[in-house]
Protein backbone atom coordinates (compact mmCIF):
# COMPACT_ATOMS: atom_id res chain seq x y z
CA MET A 1 -48.25 -39.60 51.55
CA ASP A 2 -44.74 -38.13 50.15
CA VAL A 3 -45.17 -39.53 46.92
CA THR A 4 -48.36 -37.27 46.26
CA ARG A 5 -46.54 -34.36 47.13
CA ALA A 6 -43.90 -35.40 44.65
CA LEU A 7 -46.77 -35.65 41.80
CA ASN A 8 -48.60 -32.69 43.01
CA GLY A 9 -45.10 -30.42 42.68
CA VAL A 10 -44.13 -31.46 39.75
CA ARG A 11 -47.48 -30.66 37.99
CA ARG A 12 -47.43 -27.03 39.61
CA ARG A 13 -43.94 -26.71 37.88
CA ALA A 14 -45.49 -28.25 34.48
CA ASN A 15 -48.15 -25.95 34.23
CA ARG A 16 -46.17 -22.44 35.96
CA GLU A 17 -43.71 -23.64 32.81
CA GLU A 18 -47.08 -24.10 30.42
CA ARG A 19 -47.97 -20.32 31.39
CA ALA A 20 -44.61 -18.89 30.68
CA TYR A 21 -44.31 -20.46 27.12
CA ALA A 22 -47.63 -19.76 25.96
CA GLY A 23 -48.23 -16.68 27.10
CA THR A 24 -51.34 -15.49 25.63
CA GLU A 25 -51.68 -18.20 23.24
CA GLU A 26 -53.30 -21.52 23.10
CA ARG A 27 -50.41 -23.90 23.09
CA PRO A 28 -51.69 -27.02 25.15
CA LEU A 29 -48.32 -28.72 25.80
CA LYS A 30 -49.60 -31.46 27.45
CA GLY A 31 -51.78 -32.39 24.60
CA TYR A 32 -48.74 -32.74 22.68
CA LEU A 33 -47.10 -34.52 24.99
CA ALA A 34 -50.02 -36.92 24.94
CA LEU A 35 -49.57 -37.27 21.11
CA MET A 36 -45.77 -37.30 21.50
CA GLY A 37 -46.67 -40.29 23.82
CA ALA A 38 -49.46 -41.78 21.31
CA TYR A 39 -46.62 -41.80 18.81
CA GLY A 40 -44.02 -42.91 20.54
CA ALA A 41 -46.01 -46.34 22.11
CA SER A 42 -47.36 -46.85 18.65
CA VAL A 43 -44.08 -47.05 17.71
CA ALA A 44 -42.32 -49.28 20.47
CA GLY A 45 -46.15 -51.40 19.79
CA LEU A 46 -45.10 -52.00 15.74
CA VAL A 47 -41.36 -52.69 16.79
CA ALA A 48 -42.18 -55.32 19.23
CA VAL A 49 -44.67 -57.03 17.02
CA ALA A 50 -41.89 -56.85 14.12
CA ARG A 51 -39.75 -58.62 16.35
CA ALA A 52 -41.81 -61.38 18.42
CA THR A 53 -43.28 -61.87 14.27
CA ARG A 54 -40.01 -61.79 13.01
CA ARG A 55 -40.60 -59.71 10.48
CA PRO A 56 -37.59 -58.65 7.91
CA VAL A 57 -37.13 -55.03 7.93
CA PRO A 58 -37.07 -54.52 4.07
CA ARG A 59 -34.26 -51.83 2.61
CA LEU A 60 -35.68 -49.29 0.57
CA SER A 61 -34.18 -48.23 -2.74
CA PRO A 62 -33.89 -44.50 -3.63
CA PHE A 63 -37.14 -45.12 -5.54
CA ASP A 64 -39.21 -46.63 -2.70
CA VAL A 65 -38.32 -43.56 -0.97
CA LEU A 66 -39.46 -41.44 -3.81
CA LEU A 67 -42.82 -43.20 -4.34
CA LEU A 68 -43.38 -43.37 -0.10
CA GLY A 69 -42.77 -38.96 -0.29
CA GLY A 70 -45.59 -38.65 -3.18
CA ALA A 71 -47.58 -41.30 -1.09
CA THR A 72 -47.47 -39.15 2.20
CA HIS A 73 -47.91 -35.78 0.67
CA TRP A 74 -50.62 -37.07 -0.89
CA VAL A 75 -52.13 -39.01 2.06
CA ALA A 76 -51.64 -35.86 4.67
CA HIS A 77 -52.81 -33.33 2.34
CA THR A 78 -56.00 -34.93 2.00
CA LEU A 79 -56.42 -35.74 5.25
CA ALA A 80 -55.63 -32.23 6.30
CA LYS A 81 -57.07 -29.96 3.86
CA ASP A 82 -59.62 -32.05 1.11
CA PRO A 83 -62.85 -30.90 1.53
CA VAL A 84 -64.22 -34.79 1.97
CA THR A 85 -62.16 -35.57 4.79
CA SER A 86 -64.03 -32.41 7.43
CA PRO A 87 -65.73 -34.85 9.32
CA LEU A 88 -63.07 -36.41 10.42
CA ARG A 89 -61.15 -32.71 11.66
CA ALA A 90 -64.24 -31.26 12.25
CA PRO A 91 -64.76 -32.55 16.08
CA PHE A 92 -61.47 -30.16 16.30
CA ALA A 93 -61.39 -27.53 13.40
CA ARG A 94 -64.10 -25.01 12.51
CA TYR A 95 -63.85 -24.00 8.46
CA LYS A 96 -63.00 -20.97 7.67
CA GLY A 97 -62.49 -20.62 3.56
CA THR A 98 -60.65 -22.13 1.32
CA SER A 99 -57.22 -21.68 -0.17
CA GLY A 100 -56.94 -22.92 -3.37
CA PRO A 101 -58.34 -26.06 -5.55
CA ALA A 102 -60.14 -28.69 -3.09
CA GLU A 103 -58.14 -26.85 -0.09
CA LEU A 104 -59.82 -25.61 3.07
CA VAL A 105 -58.91 -23.45 5.35
CA GLU A 106 -60.04 -24.42 9.25
CA ASP A 107 -59.05 -22.75 12.48
CA VAL A 108 -58.22 -24.89 15.64
CA ARG A 109 -60.84 -25.23 18.71
CA GLY A 110 -61.26 -26.13 21.81
CA SER A 111 -58.24 -26.45 24.42
CA GLY A 112 -55.84 -28.85 25.91
CA ALA A 113 -55.88 -31.67 23.93
CA ARG A 114 -58.83 -31.55 21.86
CA HIS A 115 -56.78 -28.32 20.49
CA ALA A 116 -53.03 -30.64 20.30
CA ILE A 117 -55.37 -33.06 17.58
CA GLY A 118 -56.76 -30.49 16.07
CA GLU A 119 -53.52 -28.46 15.48
CA LEU A 120 -52.26 -32.29 14.02
CA LEU A 121 -55.21 -33.16 11.93
CA THR A 122 -55.12 -29.56 10.27
CA CYS A 123 -51.25 -29.83 9.25
CA PRO A 124 -50.16 -31.23 6.58
CA PHE A 125 -46.67 -31.30 7.52
CA CYS A 126 -47.78 -32.92 11.15
CA LEU A 127 -49.18 -35.87 9.87
CA GLY A 128 -46.80 -36.30 6.94
CA LEU A 129 -44.59 -38.52 10.42
CA TRP A 130 -47.50 -40.17 11.38
CA VAL A 131 -48.89 -40.99 7.64
CA THR A 132 -45.36 -42.26 6.71
CA THR A 133 -44.64 -44.13 9.96
CA GLY A 134 -48.71 -46.06 9.06
CA PHE A 135 -46.89 -46.88 5.49
CA GLY A 136 -43.38 -47.79 6.92
CA ALA A 137 -45.41 -50.71 8.93
CA GLY A 138 -47.01 -52.05 6.36
CA TYR A 139 -43.86 -52.25 4.82
CA VAL A 140 -42.78 -54.51 7.22
CA PHE A 141 -46.65 -56.48 7.50
CA ALA A 142 -47.57 -56.46 3.97
CA PRO A 143 -44.97 -55.24 1.99
CA ALA A 144 -46.86 -55.97 -1.55
CA LEU A 145 -50.11 -54.53 -0.53
CA THR A 146 -48.17 -51.08 0.77
CA ARG A 147 -46.10 -50.79 -2.77
CA PHE A 148 -48.76 -51.01 -5.11
CA ALA A 149 -51.41 -48.69 -2.09
CA VAL A 150 -47.71 -46.29 -2.34
CA GLY A 151 -47.02 -46.32 -5.97
CA SER A 152 -51.26 -45.11 -6.69
CA LEU A 153 -51.57 -42.50 -4.13
CA ALA A 154 -48.02 -41.51 -5.91
CA ALA A 155 -49.12 -41.85 -9.29
CA LEU A 156 -52.08 -39.49 -7.39
CA THR A 157 -49.64 -36.72 -6.33
CA GLY A 158 -48.35 -36.82 -9.38
CA ALA A 159 -51.15 -36.14 -11.91
CA ASP A 160 -52.94 -33.42 -8.92
CA LEU A 161 -49.53 -31.75 -9.77
CA LEU A 162 -50.46 -31.78 -13.43
CA GLN A 163 -53.67 -30.44 -12.86
CA LEU A 164 -52.79 -27.77 -11.14
CA CYS A 165 -50.04 -26.63 -13.97
CA ARG A 166 -52.88 -27.26 -15.96
CA ALA A 167 -55.07 -24.77 -14.00
CA ARG A 168 -51.85 -22.50 -13.65
CA LEU A 169 -51.32 -22.18 -17.56
CA GLN A 170 -55.12 -22.04 -18.42
CA ASP A 171 -55.25 -19.12 -15.62
CA ASP A 172 -52.19 -17.04 -17.60
CA GLU A 173 -54.27 -17.58 -20.55
CA GLY A 174 -57.02 -16.27 -20.07
């Protein structure tokens, strides 16, 4: 019974802190904690499997890091902003409009964990950590395939940049 009383006290204090922190805004701290826990557990699981299977951790060259940055940017941005990936975000976000070529603006909806997941899925900066971790796991478990995918996606990032530059130049001319 003392454990139950202690847990209830912790919950009350956590709820009080969450209300004090958030004020009138929706800040789902418990949802954020759950996402951080899921991320941490995923990384711990990947490390455990890598150790159990004696997978070597590859050394990344500066060129690998550059390609990984480009690929991570493209995947995270596409997942968070592209119209084609909006069905993945639809349960957690509401369409608001567009903000650029092939880029949507969405409002996060719901509360608690739903809201926290919505913030993750609509934020390319937030998704970047998860995406690059996935690529990192790929470098450990399927290095050749991952290098091919990362190189291809980095090239696509460069192509997108050129498309945006071309569009800007055409806008300036017309």
